[in-house]
């Protein structure tokens, strides 16, 4: 984990980051909320995840994974909504908590950033009941 301050390329405000993490080292999947800066994380070996897409790493191909668009949508449909009411999707970008614009350019595709809230799938139920 690296604590730091990012400067939003749009509004130029300082974003105090709780941590920047490398998902590739931990076999971790991550998705951002479309409404706030919450990031949801889960392990590639999570039973529910493996039931949906067996033996697949939880990243899109551009990030070195092998999830198809169809598989990404399947996973998204099975996730509980964010506490703010938003939805977690693979296509959501990290965004500035002040102006709401994307800060994706400040990160590469296998790192995720925790600004305020991280919902950890190992500690919190993230999957909808079937």
C-alpha atoms as a PDB file:
ATOM      1  CA  UNK A   1       0.000   0.000   0.000  1.00  0.00           C
ATOM      2  CA  UNK A   2       1.191   3.487  -0.815  1.00  0.00           C
ATOM      3  CA  UNK A   3      -0.410   6.506   0.857  1.00  0.00           C
ATOM      4  CA  UNK A   4      -0.255   9.663  -1.176  1.00  0.00           C
ATOM      5  CA  UNK A   5      -2.001  12.700  -2.503  1.00  0.00           C
ATOM      6  CA  UNK A   6      -3.177  12.788  -6.096  1.00  0.00           C
ATOM      7  CA  UNK A   7      -3.944  16.022  -7.868  1.00  0.00           C
ATOM      8  CA  UNK A   8      -7.094  15.886  -9.974  1.00  0.00           C
ATOM      9  CA  UNK A   9      -6.146  16.715 -13.570  1.00  0.00           C
ATOM     10  CA  UNK A  10      -9.527  18.431 -14.014  1.00  0.00           C
ATOM     11  CA  UNK A  11     -10.329  20.538 -10.948  1.00  0.00           C
ATOM     12  CA  UNK A  12      -6.711  20.578  -9.630  1.00  0.00           C
ATOM     13  CA  UNK A  13      -7.812  19.755  -6.063  1.00  0.00           C
ATOM     14  CA  UNK A  14      -5.716  17.438  -3.900  1.00  0.00           C
ATOM     15  CA  UNK A  15      -7.261  14.012  -3.372  1.00  0.00           C
ATOM     16  CA  UNK A  16      -6.079  12.366  -0.172  1.00  0.00           C
ATOM     17  CA  UNK A  17      -5.715   8.681  -0.971  1.00  0.00           C
ATOM     18  CA  UNK A  18      -5.941   5.992   1.719  1.00  0.00           C
ATOM     19  CA  UNK A  19      -3.994   3.599  -0.466  1.00  0.00           C
ATOM     20  CA  UNK A  20      -2.952   2.514  -3.936  1.00  0.00           C
ATOM     21  CA  UNK A  21      -2.821  -1.250  -4.418  1.00  0.00           C
ATOM     22  CA  UNK A  22      -1.536  -3.645  -7.064  1.00  0.00           C
ATOM     23  CA  UNK A  23      -4.350  -6.094  -7.835  1.00  0.00           C
ATOM     24  CA  UNK A  24      -2.122  -8.333  -9.931  1.00  0.00           C
ATOM     25  CA  UNK A  25      -0.001  -9.505  -7.012  1.00  0.00           C
ATOM     26  CA  UNK A  26      -3.016 -10.506  -4.917  1.00  0.00           C
ATOM     27  CA  UNK A  27      -5.196 -12.091  -7.623  1.00  0.00           C
ATOM     28  CA  UNK A  28      -7.716  -9.434  -6.775  1.00  0.00           C
ATOM     29  CA  UNK A  29     -10.564  -8.088  -8.849  1.00  0.00           C
ATOM     30  CA  UNK A  30     -11.794  -4.532  -8.410  1.00  0.00           C
ATOM     31  CA  UNK A  31     -14.648  -2.402  -9.688  1.00  0.00           C
ATOM     32  CA  UNK A  32     -15.534   1.209  -8.996  1.00  0.00           C
ATOM     33  CA  UNK A  33     -18.953   2.617  -8.188  1.00  0.00           C
ATOM     34  CA  UNK A  34     -20.536   4.812 -10.839  1.00  0.00           C
ATOM     35  CA  UNK A  35     -21.795   7.377  -8.286  1.00  0.00           C
ATOM     36  CA  UNK A  36     -19.086   7.847  -5.672  1.00  0.00           C
ATOM     37  CA  UNK A  37     -15.432   6.932  -5.138  1.00  0.00           C
ATOM     38  CA  UNK A  38     -16.114   3.528  -3.520  1.00  0.00           C
ATOM     39  CA  UNK A  39     -14.046   0.606  -4.808  1.00  0.00           C
ATOM     40  CA  UNK A  40     -15.189  -3.001  -4.410  1.00  0.00           C
ATOM     41  CA  UNK A  41     -12.522  -5.711  -4.229  1.00  0.00           C
ATOM     42  CA  UNK A  42     -12.748  -9.489  -4.274  1.00  0.00           C
ATOM     43  CA  UNK A  43     -10.436 -12.458  -4.554  1.00  0.00           C
ATOM     44  CA  UNK A  44     -10.152 -14.437  -7.786  1.00  0.00           C
ATOM     45  CA  UNK A  45     -10.621 -17.610  -5.748  1.00  0.00           C
ATOM     46  CA  UNK A  46     -13.856 -16.442  -4.098  1.00  0.00           C
ATOM     47  CA  UNK A  47     -16.378 -19.314  -4.329  1.00  0.00           C
ATOM     48  CA  UNK A  48     -19.169 -17.155  -5.772  1.00  0.00           C
ATOM     49  CA  UNK A  49     -16.861 -15.630  -8.356  1.00  0.00           C
ATOM     50  CA  UNK A  50     -15.514 -19.059  -9.361  1.00  0.00           C
ATOM     51  CA  UNK A  51     -19.067 -20.388  -9.700  1.00  0.00           C
ATOM     52  CA  UNK A  52     -19.800 -17.629 -12.237  1.00  0.00           C
ATOM     53  CA  UNK A  53     -16.545 -17.778 -14.230  1.00  0.00           C
ATOM     54  CA  UNK A  54     -14.398 -20.781 -13.272  1.00  0.00           C
ATOM     55  CA  UNK A  55     -10.629 -20.497 -13.606  1.00  0.00           C
ATOM     56  CA  UNK A  56     -10.607 -16.911 -14.897  1.00  0.00           C
ATOM     57  CA  UNK A  57      -8.610 -14.006 -13.517  1.00  0.00           C
ATOM     58  CA  UNK A  58     -10.877 -11.097 -12.564  1.00  0.00           C
ATOM     59  CA  UNK A  59      -9.579  -8.476 -14.950  1.00  0.00           C
ATOM     60  CA  UNK A  60     -10.523  -7.450 -18.454  1.00  0.00           C
ATOM     61  CA  UNK A  61      -8.063  -8.433 -21.224  1.00  0.00           C
ATOM     62  CA  UNK A  62      -6.435  -4.968 -21.315  1.00  0.00           C
ATOM     63  CA  UNK A  63      -5.291  -5.618 -17.745  1.00  0.00           C
ATOM     64  CA  UNK A  64      -3.919  -9.093 -18.424  1.00  0.00           C
ATOM     65  CA  UNK A  65      -7.074 -11.023 -17.517  1.00  0.00           C
ATOM     66  CA  UNK A  66      -9.271 -13.128 -19.692  1.00  0.00           C
ATOM     67  CA  UNK A  67     -12.813 -12.022 -18.861  1.00  0.00           C
ATOM     68  CA  UNK A  68     -14.986 -11.461 -21.897  1.00  0.00           C
ATOM     69  CA  UNK A  69     -17.481  -8.588 -21.977  1.00  0.00           C
ATOM     70  CA  UNK A  70     -20.279 -11.125 -21.475  1.00  0.00           C
ATOM     71  CA  UNK A  71     -18.544 -12.541 -18.370  1.00  0.00           C
ATOM     72  CA  UNK A  72     -17.928  -9.051 -17.005  1.00  0.00           C
ATOM     73  CA  UNK A  73     -21.646  -8.248 -17.325  1.00  0.00           C
ATOM     74  CA  UNK A  74     -22.552 -11.557 -15.653  1.00  0.00           C
ATOM     75  CA  UNK A  75     -20.382 -10.691 -12.660  1.00  0.00           C
ATOM     76  CA  UNK A  76     -21.771  -7.147 -12.482  1.00  0.00           C
ATOM     77  CA  UNK A  77     -25.358  -8.470 -12.383  1.00  0.00           C
ATOM     78  CA  UNK A  78     -24.518 -10.664  -9.401  1.00  0.00           C
ATOM     79  CA  UNK A  79     -22.941  -7.921  -7.277  1.00  0.00           C
ATOM     80  CA  UNK A  80     -24.885  -6.061  -4.618  1.00  0.00           C
ATOM     81  CA  UNK A  81     -25.234  -2.319  -5.200  1.00  0.00           C
ATOM     82  CA  UNK A  82     -22.947   0.197  -3.564  1.00  0.00           C
ATOM     83  CA  UNK A  83     -24.217   1.588  -0.218  1.00  0.00           C
ATOM     84  CA  UNK A  84     -24.712   4.939  -2.007  1.00  0.00           C
ATOM     85  CA  UNK A  85     -27.114   3.258  -4.462  1.00  0.00           C
ATOM     86  CA  UNK A  86     -24.647   3.156  -7.346  1.00  0.00           C
ATOM     87  CA  UNK A  87     -23.566   0.150  -9.393  1.00  0.00           C
ATOM     88  CA  UNK A  88     -20.176  -1.524  -9.607  1.00  0.00           C
ATOM     89  CA  UNK A  89     -19.056  -2.094 -13.195  1.00  0.00           C
ATOM     90  CA  UNK A  90     -15.798  -3.012 -14.865  1.00  0.00           C
ATOM     91  CA  UNK A  91     -16.101   0.030 -17.130  1.00  0.00           C
ATOM     92  CA  UNK A  92     -16.419   2.521 -14.253  1.00  0.00           C
ATOM     93  CA  UNK A  93     -13.350   4.670 -13.770  1.00  0.00           C
ATOM     94  CA  UNK A  94     -11.980   6.027 -10.516  1.00  0.00           C
ATOM     95  CA  UNK A  95     -13.178   9.575 -10.168  1.00  0.00           C
ATOM     96  CA  UNK A  96     -12.442  12.697  -8.222  1.00  0.00           C
ATOM     97  CA  UNK A  97     -14.630  13.078  -5.113  1.00  0.00           C
ATOM     98  CA  UNK A  98     -14.797  16.838  -5.743  1.00  0.00           C
ATOM     99  CA  UNK A  99     -15.622  17.281  -9.429  1.00  0.00           C
ATOM    100  CA  UNK A 100     -16.635  13.721 -10.339  1.00  0.00           C
ATOM    101  CA  UNK A 101     -14.327  13.571 -13.373  1.00  0.00           C
ATOM    102  CA  UNK A 102     -12.164  10.540 -14.125  1.00  0.00           C
ATOM    103  CA  UNK A 103      -8.722  10.294 -12.532  1.00  0.00           C
ATOM    104  CA  UNK A 104      -7.948   7.130 -14.508  1.00  0.00           C
ATOM    105  CA  UNK A 105      -4.896   8.732 -16.151  1.00  0.00           C
ATOM    106  CA  UNK A 106      -3.195   8.838 -12.749  1.00  0.00           C
ATOM    107  CA  UNK A 107      -3.221   5.012 -12.427  1.00  0.00           C
ATOM    108  CA  UNK A 108      -2.373   2.031 -14.587  1.00  0.00           C
ATOM    109  CA  UNK A 109      -4.838  -0.764 -15.296  1.00  0.00           C
ATOM    110  CA  UNK A 110      -3.722  -3.206 -12.563  1.00  0.00           C
ATOM    111  CA  UNK A 111      -3.619  -0.703  -9.697  1.00  0.00           C
ATOM    112  CA  UNK A 112      -6.668   0.528  -7.840  1.00  0.00           C
ATOM    113  CA  UNK A 113      -7.016   3.431  -5.491  1.00  0.00           C
ATOM    114  CA  UNK A 114      -8.963   3.718  -2.237  1.00  0.00           C
ATOM    115  CA  UNK A 115     -10.055   7.286  -1.659  1.00  0.00           C
ATOM    116  CA  UNK A 116     -12.715   6.931   1.017  1.00  0.00           C
ATOM    117  CA  UNK A 117     -14.310   3.506   1.057  1.00  0.00           C
ATOM    118  CA  UNK A 118     -13.193   0.030   0.049  1.00  0.00           C
ATOM    119  CA  UNK A 119     -15.736  -2.773   0.222  1.00  0.00           C
ATOM    120  CA  UNK A 120     -13.644  -5.897   0.729  1.00  0.00           C
ATOM    121  CA  UNK A 121     -15.402  -9.026  -0.537  1.00  0.00           C
ATOM    122  CA  UNK A 122     -13.421 -11.172   1.919  1.00  0.00           C
ATOM    123  CA  UNK A 123     -15.012  -9.307   4.838  1.00  0.00           C
ATOM    124  CA  UNK A 124     -18.365  -8.116   3.495  1.00  0.00           C
ATOM    125  CA  UNK A 125     -21.082  -9.937   1.541  1.00  0.00           C
ATOM    126  CA  UNK A 126     -20.850  -8.542  -1.995  1.00  0.00           C
ATOM    127  CA  UNK A 127     -22.822 -11.123  -3.982  1.00  0.00           C
ATOM    128  CA  UNK A 128     -26.596 -11.102  -4.406  1.00  0.00           C
ATOM    129  CA  UNK A 129     -28.370 -14.132  -3.013  1.00  0.00           C
ATOM    130  CA  UNK A 130     -29.448 -16.546  -5.763  1.00  0.00           C
END
